[in-house]
């Protein structure tokens, strides 16, 4: 009970800070784009719900695109994402994003090797263009251990309220755990930059991960009357190569 009370208290404080942050974004015409990537069942949905829960729905959007249509498959790869970019005064959260190409598409063979390598080369260029256009891009990668993923996927299959989350890809997640690890490492190394860095999160503890992400998020935008919160450096950090071996990311 005490632990839950501490979580609820911390979450309330952080959500109050998010309200202040959104007020600043609206008043100053800021454009904020938040990408949440990670392994299947790493907690992206729950984190997004806690971020958006008390924010003005008119000024925040969640984008979770389905697989490309036949027409979209013929377009420039980034084209179907551009209509969803934030306008002035908006916060947009991508629940998965163009990084599908570096993850599930690559691992499951849904793209060619040429398309994959072209993506790794051009994604930083595209994101640099977004930054130059005044969009603040914040990228989080949520990671969990093999054992934690197995437990969560089993719970998802058994819980009738979570079965909408299940997909044929889920069944392959554990089988290809090592392949996803290799793809994750290559993606982070190729697409991390000073302008659009990756923030990596060890998300085996869902509640701690949510608090860590929101606590970090409120530091990414300077807003009035900000009240700082404790950081979670043991489970969240700005990506660099040491993250591949120091336990932040699953191996």
C-alpha atoms as a PDB file:
ATOM      1  CA  UNK A   1       0.000   0.000   0.000  1.00  0.00           C
ATOM      2  CA  UNK A   2       2.772   2.405   0.920  1.00  0.00           C
ATOM      3  CA  UNK A   3       4.564   1.786  -2.339  1.00  0.00           C
ATOM      4  CA  UNK A   4       1.370   2.401  -4.338  1.00  0.00           C
ATOM      5  CA  UNK A   5       0.707   5.594  -2.396  1.00  0.00           C
ATOM      6  CA  UNK A   6       4.218   6.799  -3.199  1.00  0.00           C
ATOM      7  CA  UNK A   7       3.666   6.027  -6.898  1.00  0.00           C
ATOM      8  CA  UNK A   8       0.305   7.812  -6.953  1.00  0.00           C
ATOM      9  CA  UNK A   9       1.780  10.849  -5.211  1.00  0.00           C
ATOM     10  CA  UNK A  10       4.729  11.032  -7.616  1.00  0.00           C
ATOM     11  CA  UNK A  11       2.492  10.513 -10.640  1.00  0.00           C
ATOM     12  CA  UNK A  12       0.157  13.300  -9.535  1.00  0.00           C
ATOM     13  CA  UNK A  13       3.074  15.720  -9.142  1.00  0.00           C
ATOM     14  CA  UNK A  14       4.433  14.825 -12.563  1.00  0.00           C
ATOM     15  CA  UNK A  15       1.038  15.108 -14.226  1.00  0.00           C
ATOM     16  CA  UNK A  16       0.626  18.588 -12.726  1.00  0.00           C
ATOM     17  CA  UNK A  17       3.963  19.487 -14.301  1.00  0.00           C
ATOM     18  CA  UNK A  18       2.726  18.118 -17.633  1.00  0.00           C
ATOM     19  CA  UNK A  19      -0.288  20.417 -17.439  1.00  0.00           C
ATOM     20  CA  UNK A  20       2.067  23.374 -16.946  1.00  0.00           C
ATOM     21  CA  UNK A  21       4.232  22.155 -19.810  1.00  0.00           C
ATOM     22  CA  UNK A  22       1.241  21.870 -22.154  1.00  0.00           C
ATOM     23  CA  UNK A  23       0.047  25.344 -21.179  1.00  0.00           C
ATOM     24  CA  UNK A  24       3.479  26.671 -22.150  1.00  0.00           C
ATOM     25  CA  UNK A  25       3.463  24.759 -25.449  1.00  0.00           C
ATOM     26  CA  UNK A  26       0.068  26.240 -26.364  1.00  0.00           C
ATOM     27  CA  UNK A  27       0.964  29.787 -25.301  1.00  0.00           C
ATOM     28  CA  UNK A  28       4.323  29.809 -27.084  1.00  0.00           C
ATOM     29  CA  UNK A  29       3.272  27.898 -30.175  1.00  0.00           C
ATOM     30  CA  UNK A  30       5.786  25.130 -29.568  1.00  0.00           C
ATOM     31  CA  UNK A  31       5.698  21.928 -31.614  1.00  0.00           C
ATOM     32  CA  UNK A  32       6.500  18.812 -29.599  1.00  0.00           C
ATOM     33  CA  UNK A  33       6.840  15.318 -31.068  1.00  0.00           C
ATOM     34  CA  UNK A  34       7.383  12.384 -28.711  1.00  0.00           C
ATOM     35  CA  UNK A  35       8.273   8.957 -30.089  1.00  0.00           C
ATOM     36  CA  UNK A  36       7.848   5.853 -27.944  1.00  0.00           C
ATOM     37  CA  UNK A  37       9.535   2.759 -29.294  1.00  0.00           C
ATOM     38  CA  UNK A  38      10.480  -0.513 -27.655  1.00  0.00           C
ATOM     39  CA  UNK A  39       9.912  -4.211 -27.472  1.00  0.00           C
ATOM     40  CA  UNK A  40       6.419  -5.672 -27.630  1.00  0.00           C
ATOM     41  CA  UNK A  41       4.696  -5.336 -24.228  1.00  0.00           C
ATOM     42  CA  UNK A  42       7.363  -2.923 -22.909  1.00  0.00           C
ATOM     43  CA  UNK A  43       4.707  -0.521 -21.581  1.00  0.00           C
ATOM     44  CA  UNK A  44       4.297   2.099 -24.293  1.00  0.00           C
ATOM     45  CA  UNK A  45       0.476   2.163 -24.094  1.00  0.00           C
ATOM     46  CA  UNK A  46       0.403   2.577 -20.325  1.00  0.00           C
ATOM     47  CA  UNK A  47       3.010   5.321 -20.410  1.00  0.00           C
ATOM     48  CA  UNK A  48       1.082   7.233 -23.063  1.00  0.00           C
ATOM     49  CA  UNK A  49      -2.113   6.982 -21.028  1.00  0.00           C
ATOM     50  CA  UNK A  50      -0.388   8.508 -17.987  1.00  0.00           C
ATOM     51  CA  UNK A  51       1.100  11.309 -20.079  1.00  0.00           C
ATOM     52  CA  UNK A  52      -2.186  12.278 -21.735  1.00  0.00           C
ATOM     53  CA  UNK A  53      -4.593  11.565 -18.878  1.00  0.00           C
ATOM     54  CA  UNK A  54      -5.044  15.136 -17.644  1.00  0.00           C
ATOM     55  CA  UNK A  55      -3.979  17.141 -20.694  1.00  0.00           C
ATOM     56  CA  UNK A  56      -6.259  19.105 -23.006  1.00  0.00           C
ATOM     57  CA  UNK A  57      -7.402  16.624 -25.688  1.00  0.00           C
ATOM     58  CA  UNK A  58      -7.730  19.439 -28.231  1.00  0.00           C
ATOM     59  CA  UNK A  59      -4.001  20.090 -28.123  1.00  0.00           C
ATOM     60  CA  UNK A  60      -2.526  16.607 -27.851  1.00  0.00           C
ATOM     61  CA  UNK A  61      -2.749  13.677 -30.249  1.00  0.00           C
ATOM     62  CA  UNK A  62      -1.700  10.042 -30.129  1.00  0.00           C
ATOM     63  CA  UNK A  63      -0.721   8.494 -33.463  1.00  0.00           C
ATOM     64  CA  UNK A  64      -0.598   4.703 -33.847  1.00  0.00           C
ATOM     65  CA  UNK A  65      -0.659   3.904 -37.552  1.00  0.00           C
ATOM     66  CA  UNK A  66      -1.681   0.487 -38.921  1.00  0.00           C
ATOM     67  CA  UNK A  67       0.433  -1.350 -41.459  1.00  0.00           C
ATOM     68  CA  UNK A  68       0.872   0.601 -44.724  1.00  0.00           C
ATOM     69  CA  UNK A  69      -1.797   0.327 -47.394  1.00  0.00           C
ATOM     70  CA  UNK A  70      -0.862  -0.844 -50.889  1.00  0.00           C
ATOM     71  CA  UNK A  71      -0.657   2.799 -51.978  1.00  0.00           C
ATOM     72  CA  UNK A  72       1.397   3.882 -48.960  1.00  0.00           C
ATOM     73  CA  UNK A  73       3.834   1.053 -49.623  1.00  0.00           C
ATOM     74  CA  UNK A  74       4.750   2.763 -52.920  1.00  0.00           C
ATOM     75  CA  UNK A  75       5.330   6.195 -51.342  1.00  0.00           C
ATOM     76  CA  UNK A  76       8.446   7.783 -49.903  1.00  0.00           C
ATOM     77  CA  UNK A  77       8.861   5.903 -46.640  1.00  0.00           C
ATOM     78  CA  UNK A  78       8.374   8.913 -44.335  1.00  0.00           C
ATOM     79  CA  UNK A  79       5.431  10.282 -46.323  1.00  0.00           C
ATOM     80  CA  UNK A  80       2.619   8.674 -44.360  1.00  0.00           C
ATOM     81  CA  UNK A  81       3.980  10.062 -41.112  1.00  0.00           C
ATOM     82  CA  UNK A  82       4.309  13.691 -42.166  1.00  0.00           C
ATOM     83  CA  UNK A  83       0.551  14.561 -42.040  1.00  0.00           C
ATOM     84  CA  UNK A  84       0.615  13.686 -38.345  1.00  0.00           C
ATOM     85  CA  UNK A  85       3.463  15.998 -37.335  1.00  0.00           C
ATOM     86  CA  UNK A  86       2.580  18.650 -34.730  1.00  0.00           C
ATOM     87  CA  UNK A  87       1.372  22.113 -35.615  1.00  0.00           C
ATOM     88  CA  UNK A  88       2.099  25.122 -33.406  1.00  0.00           C
ATOM     89  CA  UNK A  89       0.758  24.588 -29.897  1.00  0.00           C
ATOM     90  CA  UNK A  90       0.494  20.818 -30.249  1.00  0.00           C
ATOM     91  CA  UNK A  91       2.021  17.799 -28.557  1.00  0.00           C
ATOM     92  CA  UNK A  92       1.945  14.612 -30.629  1.00  0.00           C
ATOM     93  CA  UNK A  93       2.894  11.169 -29.351  1.00  0.00           C
ATOM     94  CA  UNK A  94       3.811   8.423 -31.810  1.00  0.00           C
ATOM     95  CA  UNK A  95       3.073   4.964 -30.407  1.00  0.00           C
ATOM     96  CA  UNK A  96       5.648   3.377 -32.673  1.00  0.00           C
ATOM     97  CA  UNK A  97       6.812   5.365 -35.655  1.00  0.00           C
ATOM     98  CA  UNK A  98       9.020   5.292 -38.721  1.00  0.00           C
ATOM     99  CA  UNK A  99      11.355   3.154 -36.621  1.00  0.00           C
ATOM    100  CA  UNK A 100       9.174   0.160 -37.508  1.00  0.00           C
ATOM    101  CA  UNK A 101      11.519  -0.203 -40.453  1.00  0.00           C
ATOM    102  CA  UNK A 102      14.530  -0.706 -38.205  1.00  0.00           C
ATOM    103  CA  UNK A 103      12.650  -3.101 -35.931  1.00  0.00           C
ATOM    104  CA  UNK A 104       9.755  -5.333 -36.889  1.00  0.00           C
ATOM    105  CA  UNK A 105      10.041  -4.785 -40.655  1.00  0.00           C
ATOM    106  CA  UNK A 106      13.719  -5.698 -40.635  1.00  0.00           C
ATOM    107  CA  UNK A 107      13.450  -8.630 -38.225  1.00  0.00           C
ATOM    108  CA  UNK A 108      10.355 -10.151 -39.828  1.00  0.00           C
ATOM    109  CA  UNK A 109      11.498  -9.593 -43.409  1.00  0.00           C
ATOM    110  CA  UNK A 110       8.845  -7.030 -44.322  1.00  0.00           C
ATOM    111  CA  UNK A 111      11.419  -4.796 -46.042  1.00  0.00           C
ATOM    112  CA  UNK A 112      14.447  -5.433 -48.204  1.00  0.00           C
ATOM    113  CA  UNK A 113      18.021  -5.102 -47.003  1.00  0.00           C
ATOM    114  CA  UNK A 114      18.391  -2.047 -49.256  1.00  0.00           C
ATOM    115  CA  UNK A 115      15.309  -0.396 -47.739  1.00  0.00           C
ATOM    116  CA  UNK A 116      16.595  -1.143 -44.239  1.00  0.00           C
ATOM    117  CA  UNK A 117      20.050   0.323 -44.793  1.00  0.00           C
ATOM    118  CA  UNK A 118      18.600   3.318 -46.625  1.00  0.00           C
ATOM    119  CA  UNK A 119      16.392   3.973 -43.599  1.00  0.00           C
ATOM    120  CA  UNK A 120      19.294   3.888 -41.155  1.00  0.00           C
ATOM    121  CA  UNK A 121      21.132   6.361 -43.372  1.00  0.00           C
ATOM    122  CA  UNK A 122      18.235   8.765 -44.016  1.00  0.00           C
ATOM    123  CA  UNK A 123      16.364   8.768 -40.685  1.00  0.00           C
ATOM    124  CA  UNK A 124      18.880  11.127 -39.000  1.00  0.00           C
ATOM    125  CA  UNK A 125      18.650  13.443 -42.026  1.00  0.00           C
ATOM    126  CA  UNK A 126      14.848  13.480 -41.867  1.00  0.00           C
ATOM    127  CA  UNK A 127      14.902  14.143 -38.128  1.00  0.00           C
ATOM    128  CA  UNK A 128      17.423  16.928 -38.577  1.00  0.00           C
ATOM    129  CA  UNK A 129      14.987  18.555 -41.004  1.00  0.00           C
ATOM    130  CA  UNK A 130      12.233  18.312 -38.383  1.00  0.00           C
ATOM    131  CA  UNK A 131      14.461  19.963 -35.787  1.00  0.00           C
ATOM    132  CA  UNK A 132      15.360  22.755 -38.208  1.00  0.00           C
ATOM    133  CA  UNK A 133      11.639  23.266 -38.838  1.00  0.00           C
ATOM    134  CA  UNK A 134      11.131  24.006 -35.149  1.00  0.00           C
ATOM    135  CA  UNK A 135       9.834  20.604 -34.019  1.00  0.00           C
ATOM    136  CA  UNK A 136      11.181  19.388 -30.688  1.00  0.00           C
ATOM    137  CA  UNK A 137      11.663  15.647 -31.186  1.00  0.00           C
ATOM    138  CA  UNK A 138      11.997  13.477 -28.077  1.00  0.00           C
ATOM    139  CA  UNK A 139      12.689   9.761 -28.568  1.00  0.00           C
ATOM    140  CA  UNK A 140      12.267   7.047 -25.928  1.00  0.00           C
ATOM    141  CA  UNK A 141      13.128   3.372 -26.277  1.00  0.00           C
ATOM    142  CA  UNK A 142      11.568   1.081 -23.655  1.00  0.00           C
ATOM    143  CA  UNK A 143      13.311  -2.236 -23.097  1.00  0.00           C
ATOM    144  CA  UNK A 144      12.448  -5.289 -21.007  1.00  0.00           C
ATOM    145  CA  UNK A 145      14.088  -8.614 -20.266  1.00  0.00           C
ATOM    146  CA  UNK A 146      13.207 -11.864 -21.998  1.00  0.00           C
ATOM    147  CA  UNK A 147      11.562 -13.219 -18.834  1.00  0.00           C
ATOM    148  CA  UNK A 148       9.507 -10.066 -18.309  1.00  0.00           C
ATOM    149  CA  UNK A 149       8.329 -10.071 -21.915  1.00  0.00           C
ATOM    150  CA  UNK A 150       7.284 -13.716 -21.667  1.00  0.00           C
ATOM    151  CA  UNK A 151       5.233 -12.987 -18.537  1.00  0.00           C
ATOM    152  CA  UNK A 152       3.556  -9.923 -20.009  1.00  0.00           C
ATOM    153  CA  UNK A 153       2.668 -11.597 -23.306  1.00  0.00           C
ATOM    154  CA  UNK A 154       1.130 -14.512 -21.399  1.00  0.00           C
ATOM    155  CA  UNK A 155      -0.889 -12.092 -19.257  1.00  0.00           C
ATOM    156  CA  UNK A 156      -2.027 -10.311 -22.418  1.00  0.00           C
ATOM    157  CA  UNK A 157      -3.308 -13.546 -23.925  1.00  0.00           C
ATOM    158  CA  UNK A 158      -5.186 -14.517 -20.753  1.00  0.00           C
ATOM    159  CA  UNK A 159      -6.725 -11.150 -19.829  1.00  0.00           C
ATOM    160  CA  UNK A 160      -9.958 -10.545 -21.810  1.00  0.00           C
ATOM    161  CA  UNK A 161      -9.478  -6.783 -21.387  1.00  0.00           C
ATOM    162  CA  UNK A 162      -6.045  -6.894 -23.017  1.00  0.00           C
ATOM    163  CA  UNK A 163      -6.640  -9.351 -25.826  1.00  0.00           C
ATOM    164  CA  UNK A 164      -7.136  -6.504 -28.316  1.00  0.00           C
ATOM    165  CA  UNK A 165      -3.389  -5.972 -28.003  1.00  0.00           C
ATOM    166  CA  UNK A 166      -2.497  -9.435 -29.233  1.00  0.00           C
ATOM    167  CA  UNK A 167      -1.319  -9.969 -32.790  1.00  0.00           C
ATOM    168  CA  UNK A 168       0.466 -12.651 -34.823  1.00  0.00           C
ATOM    169  CA  UNK A 169       3.657 -10.605 -34.389  1.00  0.00           C
ATOM    170  CA  UNK A 170       3.433 -11.076 -30.597  1.00  0.00           C
ATOM    171  CA  UNK A 171       3.861 -14.800 -31.034  1.00  0.00           C
ATOM    172  CA  UNK A 172       7.170 -14.145 -32.776  1.00  0.00           C
ATOM    173  CA  UNK A 173       8.517 -11.630 -30.237  1.00  0.00           C
ATOM    174  CA  UNK A 174      10.109 -14.166 -27.901  1.00  0.00           C
ATOM    175  CA  UNK A 175      11.266 -16.427 -30.705  1.00  0.00           C
ATOM    176  CA  UNK A 176      13.125 -13.501 -32.259  1.00  0.00           C
ATOM    177  CA  UNK A 177      14.220 -11.865 -28.985  1.00  0.00           C
ATOM    178  CA  UNK A 178      17.916 -11.977 -29.927  1.00  0.00           C
ATOM    179  CA  UNK A 179      17.174 -10.720 -33.447  1.00  0.00           C
ATOM    180  CA  UNK A 180      15.297  -7.764 -31.990  1.00  0.00           C
ATOM    181  CA  UNK A 181      18.231  -7.111 -29.665  1.00  0.00           C
ATOM    182  CA  UNK A 182      20.616  -6.912 -32.620  1.00  0.00           C
ATOM    183  CA  UNK A 183      18.191  -4.698 -34.550  1.00  0.00           C
ATOM    184  CA  UNK A 184      17.750  -2.436 -31.506  1.00  0.00           C
ATOM    185  CA  UNK A 185      21.488  -1.996 -31.110  1.00  0.00           C
ATOM    186  CA  UNK A 186      22.013  -1.190 -34.788  1.00  0.00           C
ATOM    187  CA  UNK A 187      19.120   1.272 -34.769  1.00  0.00           C
ATOM    188  CA  UNK A 188      20.260   3.141 -31.675  1.00  0.00           C
ATOM    189  CA  UNK A 189      23.858   3.375 -32.880  1.00  0.00           C
ATOM    190  CA  UNK A 190      22.870   4.588 -36.357  1.00  0.00           C
ATOM    191  CA  UNK A 191      20.102   7.056 -35.471  1.00  0.00           C
ATOM    192  CA  UNK A 192      21.214   8.663 -32.212  1.00  0.00           C
ATOM    193  CA  UNK A 193      22.415  12.228 -32.722  1.00  0.00           C
ATOM    194  CA  UNK A 194      23.050  15.402 -30.770  1.00  0.00           C
ATOM    195  CA  UNK A 195      19.975  17.018 -32.332  1.00  0.00           C
ATOM    196  CA  UNK A 196      17.644  14.047 -31.756  1.00  0.00           C
ATOM    197  CA  UNK A 197      19.130  11.741 -29.120  1.00  0.00           C
ATOM    198  CA  UNK A 198      17.644   8.492 -27.902  1.00  0.00           C
ATOM    199  CA  UNK A 199      16.587   8.158 -24.267  1.00  0.00           C
ATOM    200  CA  UNK A 200      16.638   4.495 -23.238  1.00  0.00           C
ATOM    201  CA  UNK A 201      14.567   3.073 -20.397  1.00  0.00           C
ATOM    202  CA  UNK A 202      14.774  -0.260 -18.573  1.00  0.00           C
ATOM    203  CA  UNK A 203      11.041  -0.881 -18.180  1.00  0.00           C
ATOM    204  CA  UNK A 204      10.795  -4.190 -16.281  1.00  0.00           C
ATOM    205  CA  UNK A 205       9.075  -2.182 -13.518  1.00  0.00           C
ATOM    206  CA  UNK A 206       6.159  -0.554 -15.359  1.00  0.00           C
ATOM    207  CA  UNK A 207       5.356   2.058 -12.740  1.00  0.00           C
ATOM    208  CA  UNK A 208       8.955   3.131 -12.245  1.00  0.00           C
ATOM    209  CA  UNK A 209       9.397   3.395 -16.017  1.00  0.00           C
ATOM    210  CA  UNK A 210       6.331   5.623 -16.370  1.00  0.00           C
ATOM    211  CA  UNK A 211       7.575   7.954 -13.647  1.00  0.00           C
ATOM    212  CA  UNK A 212      11.077   7.982 -15.120  1.00  0.00           C
ATOM    213  CA  UNK A 213       9.844   8.924 -18.602  1.00  0.00           C
ATOM    214  CA  UNK A 214       7.545  11.696 -17.415  1.00  0.00           C
ATOM    215  CA  UNK A 215      10.227  13.031 -15.054  1.00  0.00           C
ATOM    216  CA  UNK A 216      12.621  13.180 -17.994  1.00  0.00           C
ATOM    217  CA  UNK A 217      10.027  14.612 -20.376  1.00  0.00           C
ATOM    218  CA  UNK A 218       9.346  17.646 -18.209  1.00  0.00           C
ATOM    219  CA  UNK A 219      13.047  18.532 -18.397  1.00  0.00           C
ATOM    220  CA  UNK A 220      13.012  18.586 -22.212  1.00  0.00           C
ATOM    221  CA  UNK A 221      10.922  21.775 -22.427  1.00  0.00           C
ATOM    222  CA  UNK A 222      11.616  24.966 -20.488  1.00  0.00           C
ATOM    223  CA  UNK A 223       8.302  26.142 -19.030  1.00  0.00           C
ATOM    224  CA  UNK A 224       7.205  28.596 -16.361  1.00  0.00           C
ATOM    225  CA  UNK A 225       6.914  27.615 -12.689  1.00  0.00           C
ATOM    226  CA  UNK A 226       8.542  24.240 -13.248  1.00  0.00           C
ATOM    227  CA  UNK A 227       9.035  22.122 -10.131  1.00  0.00           C
ATOM    228  CA  UNK A 228      11.752  19.513 -10.494  1.00  0.00           C
ATOM    229  CA  UNK A 229      11.302  15.855  -9.663  1.00  0.00           C
ATOM    230  CA  UNK A 230      13.738  13.137  -8.693  1.00  0.00           C
ATOM    231  CA  UNK A 231      15.462  11.496 -11.634  1.00  0.00           C
ATOM    232  CA  UNK A 232      15.715   7.771 -12.305  1.00  0.00           C
ATOM    233  CA  UNK A 233      19.271   7.406 -13.562  1.00  0.00           C
ATOM    234  CA  UNK A 234      19.333   3.729 -12.613  1.00  0.00           C
ATOM    235  CA  UNK A 235      16.738   2.870 -15.285  1.00  0.00           C
ATOM    236  CA  UNK A 236      16.796   5.820 -17.735  1.00  0.00           C
ATOM    237  CA  UNK A 237      19.652   7.520 -19.523  1.00  0.00           C
ATOM    238  CA  UNK A 238      20.691   9.297 -22.682  1.00  0.00           C
ATOM    239  CA  UNK A 239      21.873   6.566 -25.023  1.00  0.00           C
ATOM    240  CA  UNK A 240      25.538   5.918 -25.656  1.00  0.00           C
ATOM    241  CA  UNK A 241      27.452   2.738 -26.395  1.00  0.00           C
ATOM    242  CA  UNK A 242      27.879   1.875 -22.717  1.00  0.00           C
ATOM    243  CA  UNK A 243      24.113   1.300 -22.503  1.00  0.00           C
ATOM    244  CA  UNK A 244      24.615  -1.868 -24.531  1.00  0.00           C
ATOM    245  CA  UNK A 245      26.632  -3.466 -21.729  1.00  0.00           C
ATOM    246  CA  UNK A 246      25.760  -1.711 -18.448  1.00  0.00           C
ATOM    247  CA  UNK A 247      22.389  -3.366 -17.852  1.00  0.00           C
ATOM    248  CA  UNK A 248      20.120  -0.520 -18.929  1.00  0.00           C
ATOM    249  CA  UNK A 249      19.275  -2.465 -22.078  1.00  0.00           C
ATOM    250  CA  UNK A 250      18.425  -6.161 -22.092  1.00  0.00           C
ATOM    251  CA  UNK A 251      20.903  -8.518 -23.716  1.00  0.00           C
END
